Amino acid sequence: MAGEADLYEFGAHGHGPDADRPAGRLVEQIQVWDHAHRADRASYRVFPAGTPDKDLPAGPLVRDKRHSRIAIPWTA
């Protein structure tokens, strides 16, 4: 059993006029990882804005920003 020192908590805090939507989406993906992918490696990959979908890794979440596209793919 994990000791107190082995416990961590993840969360998200959004900023701006539509902060709740992207923060909520990130929390959903943290929960997906926790329940189904804990043994897998999550990573963030940042691509230039305008990168076509076909050039992004397969994954549950792509977040478009003004200057970039952030992909969070699940890999085994």
N, C-alpha and C. Protein backbone atom coordinates (compact mmCIF):
# COMPACT_ATOMS: atom_id res chain seq x y z
N MET A 1 0.84 -1.18 0.00
CA MET A 1 0.00 0.00 0.00
C MET A 1 0.88 1.24 0.00
N ALA A 2 0.49 2.23 -0.77
CA ALA A 2 1.27 3.46 -0.87
C ALA A 2 1.23 4.24 0.43
N GLY A 3 2.36 4.78 0.78
CA GLY A 3 2.43 5.63 1.96
C GLY A 3 2.00 7.05 1.63
N GLU A 4 1.82 7.86 2.65
CA GLU A 4 1.39 9.25 2.46
C GLU A 4 2.32 10.01 1.52
N ALA A 5 3.63 9.73 1.58
CA ALA A 5 4.59 10.42 0.73
C ALA A 5 4.45 10.02 -0.74
N ASP A 6 3.75 8.92 -1.03
CA ASP A 6 3.59 8.45 -2.40
C ASP A 6 2.32 8.96 -3.07
N LEU A 7 1.52 9.76 -2.39
CA LEU A 7 0.26 10.23 -2.93
C LEU A 7 0.42 11.60 -3.57
N TYR A 8 -0.20 11.78 -4.73
CA TYR A 8 -0.16 13.03 -5.46
C TYR A 8 -1.56 13.39 -5.91
N GLU A 9 -1.81 14.66 -6.13
CA GLU A 9 -3.11 15.10 -6.60
C GLU A 9 -2.92 15.96 -7.85
N PHE A 10 -3.71 15.68 -8.89
CA PHE A 10 -3.70 16.46 -10.12
C PHE A 10 -4.96 17.29 -10.20
N GLY A 11 -4.88 18.39 -10.89
CA GLY A 11 -6.05 19.23 -11.09
C GLY A 11 -5.77 20.23 -12.20
N ALA A 12 -6.70 21.13 -12.41
CA ALA A 12 -6.53 22.13 -13.46
C ALA A 12 -7.17 23.43 -13.01
N HIS A 13 -6.58 24.51 -13.43
CA HIS A 13 -7.13 25.83 -13.15
C HIS A 13 -7.09 26.61 -14.45
N GLY A 14 -8.24 27.09 -14.91
CA GLY A 14 -8.32 27.82 -16.16
C GLY A 14 -8.27 29.32 -15.94
N HIS A 15 -7.95 30.03 -16.99
CA HIS A 15 -7.89 31.49 -16.97
C HIS A 15 -8.65 32.03 -18.17
N GLY A 16 -9.17 33.22 -18.06
CA GLY A 16 -9.82 33.88 -19.18
C GLY A 16 -11.33 33.73 -19.12
N PRO A 17 -11.99 34.30 -20.13
CA PRO A 17 -13.46 34.35 -20.11
C PRO A 17 -14.14 32.99 -20.26
N ASP A 18 -13.46 32.01 -20.84
CA ASP A 18 -14.05 30.68 -21.04
C ASP A 18 -13.25 29.64 -20.27
N ALA A 19 -12.76 30.02 -19.09
CA ALA A 19 -11.81 29.19 -18.35
C ALA A 19 -12.36 27.83 -17.92
N ASP A 20 -13.64 27.78 -17.57
CA ASP A 20 -14.19 26.53 -17.05
C ASP A 20 -14.19 25.40 -18.07
N ARG A 21 -14.41 25.71 -19.33
CA ARG A 21 -14.52 24.67 -20.36
C ARG A 21 -13.19 23.93 -20.56
N PRO A 22 -12.08 24.61 -20.87
CA PRO A 22 -10.84 23.85 -21.06
C PRO A 22 -10.32 23.22 -19.77
N ALA A 23 -10.50 23.89 -18.64
CA ALA A 23 -10.06 23.30 -17.37
C ALA A 23 -10.87 22.04 -17.07
N GLY A 24 -12.17 22.09 -17.33
CA GLY A 24 -13.02 20.92 -17.12
C GLY A 24 -12.64 19.77 -18.04
N ARG A 25 -12.29 20.08 -19.28
CA ARG A 25 -11.88 19.05 -20.25
C ARG A 25 -10.59 18.38 -19.79
N LEU A 26 -9.65 19.19 -19.29
CA LEU A 26 -8.41 18.62 -18.79
C LEU A 26 -8.67 17.73 -17.57
N VAL A 27 -9.53 18.15 -16.68
CA VAL A 27 -9.89 17.32 -15.52
C VAL A 27 -10.51 16.01 -15.99
N GLU A 28 -11.37 16.04 -17.00
CA GLU A 28 -11.94 14.81 -17.55
C GLU A 28 -10.84 13.87 -18.02
N GLN A 29 -9.83 14.40 -18.71
CA GLN A 29 -8.76 13.56 -19.23
C GLN A 29 -7.89 13.01 -18.10
N ILE A 30 -7.70 13.79 -17.04
CA ILE A 30 -6.98 13.28 -15.88
C ILE A 30 -7.73 12.10 -15.28
N GLN A 31 -9.05 12.21 -15.22
CA GLN A 31 -9.87 11.12 -14.69
C GLN A 31 -9.82 9.90 -15.60
N VAL A 32 -9.84 10.09 -16.92
CA VAL A 32 -9.70 8.98 -17.87
C VAL A 32 -8.37 8.27 -17.63
N TRP A 33 -7.31 9.06 -17.53
CA TRP A 33 -5.99 8.47 -17.27
C TRP A 33 -6.01 7.68 -15.97
N ASP A 34 -6.58 8.26 -14.92
CA ASP A 34 -6.59 7.61 -13.61
C ASP A 34 -7.31 6.27 -13.65
N HIS A 35 -8.41 6.19 -14.39
CA HIS A 35 -9.22 4.97 -14.40
C HIS A 35 -8.79 3.94 -15.45
N ALA A 36 -8.21 4.41 -16.57
CA ALA A 36 -7.97 3.47 -17.66
C ALA A 36 -6.54 3.42 -18.18
N HIS A 37 -5.72 4.39 -17.83
CA HIS A 37 -4.38 4.47 -18.45
C HIS A 37 -3.26 4.71 -17.46
N ARG A 38 -3.49 4.45 -16.20
CA ARG A 38 -2.48 4.76 -15.18
C ARG A 38 -1.14 4.08 -15.49
N ALA A 39 -1.15 2.92 -16.10
CA ALA A 39 0.10 2.23 -16.44
C ALA A 39 0.73 2.77 -17.72
N ASP A 40 -0.01 3.60 -18.46
CA ASP A 40 0.50 4.19 -19.70
C ASP A 40 1.18 5.51 -19.40
N ARG A 41 1.88 6.01 -20.36
CA ARG A 41 2.58 7.28 -20.20
C ARG A 41 1.80 8.39 -20.90
N ALA A 42 1.44 9.41 -20.18
CA ALA A 42 0.80 10.59 -20.76
C ALA A 42 1.89 11.60 -21.07
N SER A 43 1.76 12.28 -22.19
CA SER A 43 2.73 13.30 -22.55
C SER A 43 2.01 14.45 -23.24
N TYR A 44 2.59 15.59 -23.15
CA TYR A 44 2.09 16.76 -23.86
C TYR A 44 3.02 17.01 -25.03
N ARG A 45 2.45 17.20 -26.21
CA ARG A 45 3.26 17.53 -27.39
C ARG A 45 2.68 18.80 -27.99
N VAL A 46 3.55 19.75 -28.28
CA VAL A 46 3.12 21.05 -28.79
C VAL A 46 3.55 21.16 -30.24
N PHE A 47 2.59 21.54 -31.10
CA PHE A 47 2.81 21.70 -32.53
C PHE A 47 2.45 23.13 -32.92
N PRO A 48 3.00 23.62 -34.03
CA PRO A 48 2.64 24.96 -34.49
C PRO A 48 1.14 25.04 -34.84
N ALA A 49 0.55 26.19 -34.63
CA ALA A 49 -0.84 26.41 -35.05
C ALA A 49 -0.93 26.12 -36.54
N GLY A 50 -2.02 25.56 -36.96
CA GLY A 50 -2.19 25.22 -38.37
C GLY A 50 -1.69 23.84 -38.74
N THR A 51 -1.08 23.12 -37.81
CA THR A 51 -0.66 21.74 -38.09
C THR A 51 -1.91 20.92 -38.38
N PRO A 52 -1.96 20.23 -39.53
CA PRO A 52 -3.15 19.45 -39.87
C PRO A 52 -3.40 18.31 -38.87
N ASP A 53 -4.67 17.98 -38.68
CA ASP A 53 -5.02 16.88 -37.78
C ASP A 53 -4.29 15.60 -38.13
N LYS A 54 -4.10 15.33 -39.40
CA LYS A 54 -3.45 14.08 -39.82
C LYS A 54 -2.00 14.00 -39.35
N ASP A 55 -1.40 15.15 -39.03
CA ASP A 55 -0.01 15.18 -38.56
C ASP A 55 0.12 15.18 -37.04
N LEU A 56 -1.01 15.11 -36.35
CA LEU A 56 -1.00 15.05 -34.89
C LEU A 56 -1.08 13.61 -34.44
N PRO A 57 -0.52 13.29 -33.27
CA PRO A 57 -0.64 11.92 -32.77
C PRO A 57 -2.08 11.62 -32.37
N ALA A 58 -2.44 10.35 -32.45
CA ALA A 58 -3.77 9.94 -32.02
C ALA A 58 -3.87 10.14 -30.52
N GLY A 59 -4.97 10.68 -30.07
CA GLY A 59 -5.13 10.90 -28.65
C GLY A 59 -6.49 11.48 -28.33
N PRO A 60 -6.83 11.52 -27.05
CA PRO A 60 -8.16 11.96 -26.65
C PRO A 60 -8.33 13.46 -26.63
N LEU A 61 -7.23 14.22 -26.68
CA LEU A 61 -7.38 15.65 -26.49
C LEU A 61 -6.40 16.42 -27.34
N VAL A 62 -6.91 17.36 -28.13
CA VAL A 62 -6.09 18.34 -28.83
C VAL A 62 -6.67 19.70 -28.48
N ARG A 63 -5.84 20.58 -27.98
CA ARG A 63 -6.28 21.91 -27.57
C ARG A 63 -5.63 22.93 -28.50
N ASP A 64 -6.45 23.66 -29.23
CA ASP A 64 -5.95 24.69 -30.14
C ASP A 64 -5.77 26.01 -29.41
N LYS A 65 -4.59 26.56 -29.53
CA LYS A 65 -4.26 27.87 -28.96
C LYS A 65 -3.94 28.81 -30.14
N ARG A 66 -3.72 30.06 -29.85
CA ARG A 66 -3.46 31.05 -30.90
C ARG A 66 -2.22 30.67 -31.73
N HIS A 67 -1.14 30.26 -31.08
CA HIS A 67 0.12 29.99 -31.77
C HIS A 67 0.52 28.52 -31.79
N SER A 68 -0.32 27.66 -31.24
CA SER A 68 0.07 26.25 -31.16
C SER A 68 -1.14 25.35 -31.04
N ARG A 69 -0.88 24.06 -31.22
CA ARG A 69 -1.85 23.00 -30.97
C ARG A 69 -1.20 22.04 -29.97
N ILE A 70 -1.88 21.79 -28.87
CA ILE A 70 -1.33 20.94 -27.82
C ILE A 70 -2.06 19.61 -27.87
N ALA A 71 -1.30 18.53 -28.03
CA ALA A 71 -1.87 17.18 -28.09
C ALA A 71 -1.44 16.41 -26.85
N ILE A 72 -2.40 15.68 -26.27
CA ILE A 72 -2.12 14.82 -25.13
C ILE A 72 -2.46 13.39 -25.55
N PRO A 73 -1.50 12.70 -26.15
CA PRO A 73 -1.75 11.32 -26.59
C PRO A 73 -1.51 10.32 -25.47
N TRP A 74 -2.26 9.23 -25.48
CA TRP A 74 -2.01 8.13 -24.55
C TRP A 74 -1.19 7.10 -25.29
N THR A 75 -0.09 6.68 -24.69
CA THR A 75 0.75 5.64 -25.31
C THR A 75 0.97 4.54 -24.29
N ALA A 76 1.02 3.33 -24.80
CA ALA A 76 1.26 2.19 -23.91
C ALA A 76 2.74 2.06 -23.63
